[in-house]
PDB file of all heavy atoms in Angstrom:
ATOM      1  N   VAL A   1       3.261 -27.267 -34.040  1.00  0.00           N
ATOM      2  CA  VAL A   1       3.142 -26.114 -34.927  1.00  0.00           C
ATOM      3  C   VAL A   1       2.736 -24.894 -34.144  1.00  0.00           C
ATOM      4  O   VAL A   1       3.293 -23.796 -34.283  1.00  0.00           O
ATOM      5  CB  VAL A   1       2.136 -26.393 -36.079  1.00  0.00           C
ATOM      6  CG1 VAL A   1       1.840 -25.141 -36.871  1.00  0.00           C
ATOM      7  CG2 VAL A   1       2.668 -27.501 -36.989  1.00  0.00           C
ATOM      8  N   ALA A   2       1.698 -25.032 -33.294  1.00  0.00           N
ATOM      9  CA  ALA A   2       1.225 -23.907 -32.504  1.00  0.00           C
ATOM     10  C   ALA A   2       2.303 -23.368 -31.556  1.00  0.00           C
ATOM     11  O   ALA A   2       2.523 -22.158 -31.478  1.00  0.00           O
ATOM     12  CB  ALA A   2       0.001 -24.317 -31.694  1.00  0.00           C
ATOM     13  N   LYS A   3       3.017 -24.262 -30.900  1.00  0.00           N
ATOM     14  CA  LYS A   3       4.073 -23.837 -29.988  1.00  0.00           C
ATOM     15  C   LYS A   3       5.188 -23.101 -30.707  1.00  0.00           C
ATOM     16  O   LYS A   3       5.786 -22.155 -30.201  1.00  0.00           O
ATOM     17  CB  LYS A   3       4.630 -25.034 -29.214  1.00  0.00           C
ATOM     18  CG  LYS A   3       3.765 -25.486 -28.073  1.00  0.00           C
ATOM     19  CD  LYS A   3       4.428 -26.591 -27.267  1.00  0.00           C
ATOM     20  CE  LYS A   3       3.579 -26.934 -26.068  1.00  0.00           C
ATOM     21  NZ  LYS A   3       4.213 -28.006 -25.255  1.00  0.00           N
ATOM     22  N   ALA A   4       5.473 -23.524 -31.951  1.00  0.00           N
ATOM     23  CA  ALA A   4       6.523 -22.868 -32.731  1.00  0.00           C
ATOM     24  C   ALA A   4       6.075 -21.490 -33.220  1.00  0.00           C
ATOM     25  O   ALA A   4       6.893 -20.626 -33.477  1.00  0.00           O
ATOM     26  CB  ALA A   4       6.891 -23.744 -33.931  1.00  0.00           C
ATOM     27  N   THR A   5       4.746 -21.290 -33.301  1.00  0.00           N
ATOM     28  CA  THR A   5       4.209 -20.010 -33.801  1.00  0.00           C
ATOM     29  C   THR A   5       3.978 -18.987 -32.721  1.00  0.00           C
ATOM     30  O   THR A   5       4.075 -17.779 -32.980  1.00  0.00           O
ATOM     31  CB  THR A   5       2.878 -20.283 -34.560  1.00  0.00           C
ATOM     32  OG1 THR A   5       3.088 -21.331 -35.504  1.00  0.00           O
ATOM     33  CG2 THR A   5       2.379 -19.055 -35.284  1.00  0.00           C
ATOM     34  N   VAL A   6       3.778 -19.424 -31.505  1.00  0.00           N
ATOM     35  CA  VAL A   6       3.474 -18.512 -30.374  1.00  0.00           C
ATOM     36  C   VAL A   6       4.534 -17.419 -30.237  1.00  0.00           C
ATOM     37  O   VAL A   6       4.173 -16.251 -30.101  1.00  0.00           O
ATOM     38  CB  VAL A   6       3.302 -19.303 -29.051  1.00  0.00           C
ATOM     39  CG1 VAL A   6       3.283 -18.363 -27.826  1.00  0.00           C
ATOM     40  CG2 VAL A   6       1.996 -20.097 -29.086  1.00  0.00           C
ATOM     41  N   PRO A   7       5.827 -17.719 -30.260  1.00  0.00           N
ATOM     42  CA  PRO A   7       6.804 -16.643 -30.095  1.00  0.00           C
ATOM     43  C   PRO A   7       6.719 -15.530 -31.154  1.00  0.00           C
ATOM     44  O   PRO A   7       6.882 -14.368 -30.840  1.00  0.00           O
ATOM     45  CB  PRO A   7       8.158 -17.361 -30.158  1.00  0.00           C
ATOM     46  CG  PRO A   7       7.868 -18.779 -29.789  1.00  0.00           C
ATOM     47  CD  PRO A   7       6.499 -19.049 -30.321  1.00  0.00           C
ATOM     48  N   ALA A   8       6.441 -15.918 -32.368  1.00  0.00           N
ATOM     49  CA  ALA A   8       6.344 -14.911 -33.477  1.00  0.00           C
ATOM     50  C   ALA A   8       5.112 -14.023 -33.250  1.00  0.00           C
ATOM     51  O   ALA A   8       5.201 -12.793 -33.379  1.00  0.00           O
ATOM     52  CB  ALA A   8       6.270 -15.593 -34.831  1.00  0.00           C
ATOM     53  N   VAL A   9       3.974 -14.615 -32.918  1.00  0.00           N
ATOM     54  CA  VAL A   9       2.752 -13.855 -32.685  1.00  0.00           C
ATOM     55  C   VAL A   9       2.948 -12.944 -31.472  1.00  0.00           C
ATOM     56  O   VAL A   9       2.602 -11.748 -31.519  1.00  0.00           O
ATOM     57  CB  VAL A   9       1.530 -14.808 -32.479  1.00  0.00           C
ATOM     58  CG1 VAL A   9       0.304 -14.026 -32.051  1.00  0.00           C
ATOM     59  CG2 VAL A   9       1.269 -15.593 -33.740  1.00  0.00           C
ATOM     60  N   ASN A  10       3.530 -13.493 -30.419  1.00  0.00           N
ATOM     61  CA  ASN A  10       3.770 -12.678 -29.205  1.00  0.00           C
ATOM     62  C   ASN A  10       4.753 -11.515 -29.477  1.00  0.00           C
ATOM     63  O   ASN A  10       4.580 -10.410 -28.951  1.00  0.00           O
ATOM     64  CB  ASN A  10       4.308 -13.531 -28.053  1.00  0.00           C
ATOM     65  CG  ASN A  10       3.215 -14.406 -27.435  1.00  0.00           C
ATOM     66  OD1 ASN A  10       2.064 -14.236 -27.694  1.00  0.00           O
ATOM     67  ND2 ASN A  10       3.651 -15.363 -26.630  1.00  0.00           N
ATOM     68  N   ALA A  11       5.750 -11.769 -30.288  1.00  0.00           N
ATOM     69  CA  ALA A  11       6.741 -10.719 -30.599  1.00  0.00           C
ATOM     70  C   ALA A  11       6.089  -9.569 -31.354  1.00  0.00           C
ATOM     71  O   ALA A  11       6.372  -8.412 -31.066  1.00  0.00           O
ATOM     72  CB  ALA A  11       7.891 -11.300 -31.427  1.00  0.00           C
ATOM     73  N   VAL A  12       5.184  -9.860 -32.289  1.00  0.00           N
ATOM     74  CA  VAL A  12       4.499  -8.802 -33.024  1.00  0.00           C
ATOM     75  C   VAL A  12       3.569  -8.023 -32.110  1.00  0.00           C
ATOM     76  O   VAL A  12       3.565  -6.788 -32.113  1.00  0.00           O
ATOM     77  CB  VAL A  12       3.755  -9.402 -34.239  1.00  0.00           C
ATOM     78  CG1 VAL A  12       2.757  -8.384 -34.842  1.00  0.00           C
ATOM     79  CG2 VAL A  12       4.733  -9.860 -35.307  1.00  0.00           C
ATOM     80  N   MET A  13       2.790  -8.762 -31.275  1.00  0.00           N
ATOM     81  CA  MET A  13       1.895  -8.074 -30.369  1.00  0.00           C
ATOM     82  C   MET A  13       2.674  -7.189 -29.373  1.00  0.00           C
ATOM     83  O   MET A  13       2.285  -6.065 -29.083  1.00  0.00           O
ATOM     84  CB  MET A  13       1.011  -9.065 -29.595  1.00  0.00           C
ATOM     85  CG  MET A  13      -0.016  -9.714 -30.461  1.00  0.00           C
ATOM     86  SD  MET A  13      -1.216 -10.818 -29.650  1.00  0.00           S
ATOM     87  CE  MET A  13      -0.595 -11.123 -28.037  1.00  0.00           C
ATOM     88  N   SER A  14       3.782  -7.722 -28.870  1.00  0.00           N
ATOM     89  CA  SER A  14       4.599  -6.965 -27.913  1.00  0.00           C
ATOM     90  C   SER A  14       5.186  -5.691 -28.539  1.00  0.00           C
ATOM     91  O   SER A  14       5.218  -4.624 -27.941  1.00  0.00           O
ATOM     92  CB  SER A  14       5.694  -7.837 -27.345  1.00  0.00           C
ATOM     93  OG  SER A  14       5.158  -8.894 -26.595  1.00  0.00           O
ATOM     94  N   ALA A  15       5.655  -5.834 -29.770  1.00  0.00           N
ATOM     95  CA  ALA A  15       6.274  -4.701 -30.470  1.00  0.00           C
ATOM     96  C   ALA A  15       5.229  -3.605 -30.693  1.00  0.00           C
ATOM     97  O   ALA A  15       5.486  -2.429 -30.462  1.00  0.00           O
ATOM     98  CB  ALA A  15       6.863  -5.154 -31.818  1.00  0.00           C
ATOM     99  N   ALA A  16       4.035  -3.991 -31.108  1.00  0.00           N
ATOM    100  CA  ALA A  16       2.947  -3.017 -31.331  1.00  0.00           C
ATOM    101  C   ALA A  16       2.601  -2.306 -30.022  1.00  0.00           C
ATOM    102  O   ALA A  16       2.461  -1.085 -30.019  1.00  0.00           O
ATOM    103  CB  ALA A  16       1.728  -3.703 -31.908  1.00  0.00           C
ATOM    104  N   MET A  17       2.483  -3.066 -28.929  1.00  0.00           N
ATOM    105  CA  MET A  17       2.131  -2.448 -27.635  1.00  0.00           C
ATOM    106  C   MET A  17       3.258  -1.552 -27.157  1.00  0.00           C
ATOM    107  O   MET A  17       2.999  -0.424 -26.688  1.00  0.00           O
ATOM    108  CB  MET A  17       1.871  -3.541 -26.593  1.00  0.00           C
ATOM    109  CG  MET A  17       0.509  -4.126 -26.687  1.00  0.00           C
ATOM    110  SD  MET A  17       0.084  -5.139 -25.271  1.00  0.00           S
ATOM    111  CE  MET A  17       0.657  -6.719 -25.815  1.00  0.00           C
ATOM    112  N   LEU A  18       4.482  -2.009 -27.301  1.00  0.00           N
ATOM    113  CA  LEU A  18       5.633  -1.210 -26.837  1.00  0.00           C
ATOM    114  C   LEU A  18       5.740   0.124 -27.595  1.00  0.00           C
ATOM    115  O   LEU A  18       5.928   1.164 -26.996  1.00  0.00           O
ATOM    116  CB  LEU A  18       6.920  -2.017 -26.995  1.00  0.00           C
ATOM    117  CG  LEU A  18       8.195  -1.441 -26.382  1.00  0.00           C
ATOM    118  CD1 LEU A  18       8.041  -1.191 -24.900  1.00  0.00           C
ATOM    119  CD2 LEU A  18       9.360  -2.399 -26.629  1.00  0.00           C
ATOM    120  N   ALA A  19       5.569   0.053 -28.900  1.00  0.00           N
ATOM    121  CA  ALA A  19       5.607   1.279 -29.712  1.00  0.00           C
ATOM    122  C   ALA A  19       4.478   2.250 -29.330  1.00  0.00           C
ATOM    123  O   ALA A  19       4.698   3.448 -29.187  1.00  0.00           O
ATOM    124  CB  ALA A  19       5.520   0.966 -31.197  1.00  0.00           C
ATOM    125  N   THR A  20       3.302   1.716 -29.079  1.00  0.00           N
ATOM    126  CA  THR A  20       2.145   2.549 -28.715  1.00  0.00           C
ATOM    127  C   THR A  20       2.373   3.196 -27.367  1.00  0.00           C
ATOM    128  O   THR A  20       2.130   4.399 -27.207  1.00  0.00           O
ATOM    129  CB  THR A  20       0.873   1.685 -28.689  1.00  0.00           C
ATOM    130  OG1 THR A  20       0.655   1.130 -29.995  1.00  0.00           O
ATOM    131  CG2 THR A  20      -0.336   2.482 -28.288  1.00  0.00           C
ATOM    132  N   ILE A  21       2.845   2.427 -26.412  1.00  0.00           N
ATOM    133  CA  ILE A  21       3.060   2.963 -25.064  1.00  0.00           C
ATOM    134  C   ILE A  21       4.151   4.034 -25.091  1.00  0.00           C
ATOM    135  O   ILE A  21       4.004   5.134 -24.534  1.00  0.00           O
ATOM    136  CB  ILE A  21       3.426   1.839 -24.088  1.00  0.00           C
ATOM    137  CG1 ILE A  21       2.235   0.967 -23.837  1.00  0.00           C
ATOM    138  CG2 ILE A  21       3.929   2.426 -22.739  1.00  0.00           C
ATOM    139  CD1 ILE A  21       2.518  -0.342 -23.123  1.00  0.00           C
ATOM    140  N   ARG A  22       5.257   3.745 -25.783  1.00  0.00           N
ATOM    141  CA  ARG A  22       6.371   4.721 -25.807  1.00  0.00           C
ATOM    142  C   ARG A  22       5.936   5.993 -26.550  1.00  0.00           C
ATOM    143  O   ARG A  22       6.339   7.082 -26.184  1.00  0.00           O
ATOM    144  CB  ARG A  22       7.603   4.101 -26.444  1.00  0.00           C
ATOM    145  CG  ARG A  22       8.179   3.047 -25.448  1.00  0.00           C
ATOM    146  CD  ARG A  22       9.655   2.847 -25.651  1.00  0.00           C
ATOM    147  NE  ARG A  22      10.182   1.984 -24.633  1.00  0.00           N
ATOM    148  CZ  ARG A  22      11.001   1.002 -24.850  1.00  0.00           C
ATOM    149  NH1 ARG A  22      11.434   0.737 -26.068  1.00  0.00           N
ATOM    150  NH2 ARG A  22      11.433   0.265 -23.844  1.00  0.00           N
ATOM    151  N   HIS A  23       5.106   5.852 -27.566  1.00  0.00           N
ATOM    152  CA  HIS A  23       4.611   7.034 -28.263  1.00  0.00           C
ATOM    153  C   HIS A  23       3.710   7.846 -27.337  1.00  0.00           C
ATOM    154  O   HIS A  23       3.766   9.086 -27.316  1.00  0.00           O
ATOM    155  CB  HIS A  23       3.848   6.656 -29.502  1.00  0.00           C
ATOM    156  CG  HIS A  23       3.239   7.820 -30.213  1.00  0.00           C
ATOM    157  ND1 HIS A  23       3.936   8.834 -30.792  1.00  0.00           N
ATOM    158  CD2 HIS A  23       1.910   8.136 -30.396  1.00  0.00           C
ATOM    159  CE1 HIS A  23       3.121   9.729 -31.311  1.00  0.00           C
ATOM    160  NE2 HIS A  23       1.883   9.333 -31.081  1.00  0.00           N
ATOM    161  N   SER A  24       2.872   7.158 -26.559  1.00  0.00           N
ATOM    162  CA  SER A  24       1.953   7.864 -25.664  1.00  0.00           C
ATOM    163  C   SER A  24       2.708   8.579 -24.529  1.00  0.00           C
ATOM    164  O   SER A  24       2.201   9.566 -23.995  1.00  0.00           O
ATOM    165  CB  SER A  24       0.917   6.921 -25.111  1.00  0.00           C
ATOM    166  OG  SER A  24       1.479   6.029 -24.146  1.00  0.00           O
ATOM    167  N   ILE A  25       3.883   8.064 -24.145  1.00  0.00           N
ATOM    168  CA  ILE A  25       4.663   8.709 -23.075  1.00  0.00           C
ATOM    169  C   ILE A  25       5.155  10.089 -23.526  1.00  0.00           C
ATOM    170  O   ILE A  25       5.128  11.035 -22.759  1.00  0.00           O
ATOM    171  CB  ILE A  25       5.843   7.815 -22.663  1.00  0.00           C
ATOM    172  CG1 ILE A  25       5.296   6.584 -21.903  1.00  0.00           C
ATOM    173  CG2 ILE A  25       6.865   8.558 -21.819  1.00  0.00           C
ATOM    174  CD1 ILE A  25       6.314   5.502 -21.661  1.00  0.00           C
ATOM    175  N   ASP A  26       5.604  10.160 -24.775  1.00  0.00           N
ATOM    176  CA  ASP A  26       6.070  11.440 -25.312  1.00  0.00           C
ATOM    177  C   ASP A  26       5.709  11.488 -26.781  1.00  0.00           C
ATOM    178  O   ASP A  26       6.441  10.959 -27.627  1.00  0.00           O
ATOM    179  CB  ASP A  26       7.581  11.593 -25.105  1.00  0.00           C
ATOM    180  CG  ASP A  26       8.110  12.959 -25.586  1.00  0.00           C
ATOM    181  OD1 ASP A  26       7.296  13.775 -26.058  1.00  0.00           O
ATOM    182  OD2 ASP A  26       9.322  13.187 -25.450  1.00  0.00           O
ATOM    183  N   THR A  27       4.613  12.148 -27.102  1.00  0.00           N
ATOM    184  CA  THR A  27       4.162  12.180 -28.473  1.00  0.00           C
ATOM    185  C   THR A  27       5.024  13.068 -29.372  1.00  0.00           C
ATOM    186  O   THR A  27       4.816  13.132 -30.562  1.00  0.00           O
ATOM    187  CB  THR A  27       2.683  12.671 -28.547  1.00  0.00           C
ATOM    188  OG1 THR A  27       2.591  13.960 -27.946  1.00  0.00           O
ATOM    189  CG2 THR A  27       1.750  11.688 -27.846  1.00  0.00           C
ATOM    190  N   ARG A  28       6.006  13.737 -28.753  1.00  0.00           N
ATOM    191  CA  ARG A  28       6.934  14.578 -29.544  1.00  0.00           C
ATOM    192  C   ARG A  28       8.157  13.789 -30.006  1.00  0.00           C
ATOM    193  O   ARG A  28       8.930  14.304 -30.774  1.00  0.00           O
ATOM    194  CB  ARG A  28       7.364  15.775 -28.709  1.00  0.00           C
ATOM    195  CG  ARG A  28       6.200  16.702 -28.328  1.00  0.00           C
ATOM    196  CD  ARG A  28       6.598  17.637 -27.229  1.00  0.00           C
ATOM    197  NE  ARG A  28       6.995  16.802 -26.073  1.00  0.00           N
ATOM    198  CZ  ARG A  28       7.520  17.277 -24.960  1.00  0.00           C
ATOM    199  NH1 ARG A  28       7.756  18.560 -24.846  1.00  0.00           N
ATOM    200  NH2 ARG A  28       7.815  16.469 -23.968  1.00  0.00           N
ATOM    201  N   ASP A  29       8.344  12.586 -29.511  1.00  0.00           N
ATOM    202  CA  ASP A  29       9.491  11.739 -29.897  1.00  0.00           C
ATOM    203  C   ASP A  29       9.335  11.335 -31.356  1.00  0.00           C
ATOM    204  O   ASP A  29       8.438  10.578 -31.720  1.00  0.00           O
ATOM    205  CB  ASP A  29       9.561  10.533 -28.976  1.00  0.00           C
ATOM    206  CG  ASP A  29      10.739   9.628 -29.227  1.00  0.00           C
ATOM    207  OD1 ASP A  29      11.025   9.294 -30.423  1.00  0.00           O
ATOM    208  OD2 ASP A  29      11.423   9.237 -28.269  1.00  0.00           O
ATOM    209  N   ALA A  30      10.221  11.817 -32.210  1.00  0.00           N
ATOM    210  CA  ALA A  30      10.103  11.574 -33.631  1.00  0.00           C
ATOM    211  C   ALA A  30      10.182  10.106 -33.988  1.00  0.00           C
ATOM    212  O   ALA A  30       9.444   9.634 -34.905  1.00  0.00           O
ATOM    213  CB  ALA A  30      11.189  12.362 -34.407  1.00  0.00           C
ATOM    214  N   TYR A  31      11.037   9.373 -33.297  1.00  0.00           N
ATOM    215  CA  TYR A  31      11.181   7.935 -33.611  1.00  0.00           C
ATOM    216  C   TYR A  31       9.873   7.200 -33.370  1.00  0.00           C
ATOM    217  O   TYR A  31       9.393   6.459 -34.228  1.00  0.00           O
ATOM    218  CB  TYR A  31      12.334   7.299 -32.790  1.00  0.00           C
ATOM    219  CG  TYR A  31      12.468   5.827 -33.049  1.00  0.00           C
ATOM    220  CD1 TYR A  31      13.116   5.379 -34.208  1.00  0.00           C
ATOM    221  CD2 TYR A  31      11.973   4.897 -32.174  1.00  0.00           C
ATOM    222  CE1 TYR A  31      13.240   4.037 -34.455  1.00  0.00           C
ATOM    223  CE2 TYR A  31      12.086   3.536 -32.418  1.00  0.00           C
ATOM    224  CZ  TYR A  31      12.736   3.104 -33.569  1.00  0.00           C
ATOM    225  OH  TYR A  31      12.865   1.754 -33.819  1.00  0.00           O
ATOM    226  N   TYR A  32       9.319   7.375 -32.165  1.00  0.00           N
ATOM    227  CA  TYR A  32       8.084   6.648 -31.858  1.00  0.00           C
ATOM    228  C   TYR A  32       6.857   7.244 -32.550  1.00  0.00           C
ATOM    229  O   TYR A  32       5.847   6.562 -32.718  1.00  0.00           O
ATOM    230  CB  TYR A  32       7.893   6.507 -30.354  1.00  0.00           C
ATOM    231  CG  TYR A  32       8.838   5.447 -29.825  1.00  0.00           C
ATOM    232  CD1 TYR A  32       9.943   5.754 -29.073  1.00  0.00           C
ATOM    233  CD2 TYR A  32       8.600   4.105 -30.138  1.00  0.00           C
ATOM    234  CE1 TYR A  32      10.803   4.763 -28.626  1.00  0.00           C
ATOM    235  CE2 TYR A  32       9.449   3.103 -29.728  1.00  0.00           C
ATOM    236  CZ  TYR A  32      10.544   3.443 -28.976  1.00  0.00           C
ATOM    237  OH  TYR A  32      11.439   2.441 -28.557  1.00  0.00           O
ATOM    238  N   THR A  33       6.943   8.475 -32.999  1.00  0.00           N
ATOM    239  CA  THR A  33       5.869   9.001 -33.849  1.00  0.00           C
ATOM    240  C   THR A  33       5.855   8.247 -35.161  1.00  0.00           C
ATOM    241  O   THR A  33       4.777   7.865 -35.673  1.00  0.00           O
ATOM    242  CB  THR A  33       6.022  10.524 -34.059  1.00  0.00           C
ATOM    243  OG1 THR A  33       5.878  11.194 -32.825  1.00  0.00           O
ATOM    244  CG2 THR A  33       5.007  11.030 -35.068  1.00  0.00           C
ATOM    245  N   ALA A  34       7.038   8.019 -35.711  1.00  0.00           N
ATOM    246  CA  ALA A  34       7.138   7.251 -36.962  1.00  0.00           C
ATOM    247  C   ALA A  34       6.673   5.819 -36.748  1.00  0.00           C
ATOM    248  O   ALA A  34       5.985   5.225 -37.633  1.00  0.00           O
ATOM    249  CB  ALA A  34       8.580   7.269 -37.481  1.00  0.00           C
ATOM    250  N   GLU A  35       6.992   5.227 -35.601  1.00  0.00           N
ATOM    251  CA  GLU A  35       6.538   3.877 -35.324  1.00  0.00           C
ATOM    252  C   GLU A  35       5.037   3.805 -35.136  1.00  0.00           C
ATOM    253  O   GLU A  35       4.381   2.860 -35.573  1.00  0.00           O
ATOM    254  CB  GLU A  35       7.281   3.295 -34.095  1.00  0.00           C
ATOM    255  CG  GLU A  35       8.756   3.036 -34.330  1.00  0.00           C
ATOM    256  CD  GLU A  35       8.990   2.195 -35.581  1.00  0.00           C
ATOM    257  OE1 GLU A  35       8.557   1.012 -35.634  1.00  0.00           O
ATOM    258  OE2 GLU A  35       9.613   2.713 -36.526  1.00  0.00           O
ATOM    259  N   ASP A  36       4.465   4.854 -34.509  1.00  0.00           N
ATOM    260  CA  ASP A  36       3.026   4.902 -34.368  1.00  0.00           C
ATOM    261  C   ASP A  36       2.348   4.960 -35.739  1.00  0.00           C
ATOM    262  O   ASP A  36       1.376   4.300 -35.967  1.00  0.00           O
ATOM    263  CB  ASP A  36       2.648   6.140 -33.528  1.00  0.00           C
ATOM    264  CG  ASP A  36       1.168   6.212 -33.237  1.00  0.00           C
ATOM    265  OD1 ASP A  36       0.644   5.272 -32.610  1.00  0.00           O
ATOM    266  OD2 ASP A  36       0.537   7.208 -33.610  1.00  0.00           O
ATOM    267  N   GLU A  37       2.929   5.754 -36.633  1.00  0.00           N
ATOM    268  CA  GLU A  37       2.398   5.825 -38.003  1.00  0.00           C
ATOM    269  C   GLU A  37       2.504   4.482 -38.702  1.00  0.00           C
ATOM    270  O   GLU A  37       1.589   4.072 -39.447  1.00  0.00           O
ATOM    271  CB  GLU A  37       3.095   6.919 -38.790  1.00  0.00           C
ATOM    272  CG  GLU A  37       2.754   8.323 -38.277  1.00  0.00           C
ATOM    273  CD  GLU A  37       3.646   9.431 -38.840  1.00  0.00           C
ATOM    274  OE1 GLU A  37       4.543   9.107 -39.669  1.00  0.00           O
ATOM    275  OE2 GLU A  37       3.458  10.596 -38.463  1.00  0.00           O
TER     276      GLU A  37
END
């Protein structure tokens, strides 16, 4: 069960980090501003 769940948890954490980093690179980017929100 845990092994089957790891990819989903990692995907959510990775998406959150990726959106945050890309927003911080250019805070004027409308797409990543919306994702940050």
